[in-house]
Structure formats: structure tokens, C-alpha cells
Amino acid sequence: MNRILMPYLREAMHLLEDGYPLLEIDAAMREFGMPMGPFEVLDEVGLDVAKNAAEVLTRAFPERMTLSPILGKMVAAGRLGKKSGLGFYRHRGRERKEAPGLRRFLGLRRARRPLGRENLAERMVLAIINEAARCLEEEIVSDAGMLDLAMVFGAGFPPFRGGPLRYADSIGAAKIEGRMSAMRAEGGERFKPTALIHTLSARGGSFGDGPAREVQGVRAAS
């Protein structure tokens, strides 16, 4: 589950680095249906804990996962989130407000152009879908339904969306591949669609077609 969540949280930090407002990023994911936005989650978990998890995954998957310098700056300054009273938000009892001077502290620029909440959410959700597809492709899980259940009950993915792979099926692999390819042209290799998404796009298949090896097609004959 951490393997799927980390690209999502990292994409949220990419958006912050690109200059988009923290409150809008969190609001975008709450509107999508998540119980909390990514920066709210990071503050709850603890930024030191998140940094340690990110370092483990970055070492395991260096070709596609990177450690955001934001986490290093925050942890070095003792801004650990809710448990220290200050992280991306300032916490006072049950009150939570964006930390004063956060963008200046992190040395972040303002966004070059506005980006609506649906577009903000799309970038983060596609990061979830892509890594979830990779887990199915690598047979880390036996079928899409099991992965979806884990993400709904363990990570707060909106139940009414059915889980990341069922949600992906509702969009269609061809559309997902097209959107990710367009983002890749502008934002780099982290948006490269997995081989499984490409295969499903080419043949009009879906993640819900059956067990992992049947869905993959290419590896099913091995």
C-alpha cells in the first residue's frame, strides 16, 4: 500500500514545488472523495516517518521514485507535522491552518498558471492508478479487486469510486494512456504509463477482466 501511496504523495509535492497552493491541492483530493488531502495526511503521519518511508522506496525503485527536498527541509527544521505542532499546517488543539510563511520557508515560486481542482486531482490520481497497475503487472497482487479493497479500506480511497483500478476501468485505459502521455511530454518520465496500461489500451481490455496473469496477456503465456 505504501508503494502506491508514495507516488501520490510525491505528486502532491511536485504540485507544491510547481507553485500550486497547498490548500487547493488538499481540497482537490477531498473533493475527489479522499477523507483527507495529501498534506493533511503527511502532517498526521509525521513528516519524519514519511521521509523514512520515502527513502526506503526511493532506494528500492530509483528509476521512478524520487525523494522530495521538501521533506528533508521540513524534518531538518523540526517541522514534523501534528506531533510537533508545525508541519505543512500549524496545529493548535483541533485547529489546523496552513503554516505561516510556508512557501517562503521552502523557497517555492508561485504557479505559472492556474490549474483547476479537477486537474490537480487528476495528476495525483493518475499517479495512484499507474503504480497500482504496476503492482498488478508484477503480480504483487493476484487480481484488481483485491488491490481495490486494500486501497479503499486501508488507504481511504473513495468507496464510491470502487478503488483505483475499478475507477480506472470507468475512465478507460486508452484515455488514461492518452492523458499520461500528454503529461509525460510536459512533465517527464514519472508520467510514463505502465506496460499493462498500454496493453489494455491497445486491446480495449480492463483491469477487471480477471486474475492478474489473464489481464496482463503478454506475461500470461510465460
Foldseek 3Di string as FASTA:
>chain_A
DLLLVQLLLVLLVVCVQLADDNVLQFVLVVVQPFPTGSQLVQLVVWLVVSQVSLVVVCVVCVVQGDRDVLSVLCVVVVQTHVVSQHHCWGDDPPDTHGDPPSCVSVVGDHHPDDDHSPRSVVSSLLSSLQSLLVCLLVPVDWAPLVQQVCCVVPVRNHVVCVGSQSVCVVVFLLVSQVVLVVCCVVPHDNSHHDPLSVVCNVVVHGRHPDTSLVSSVVNVVD
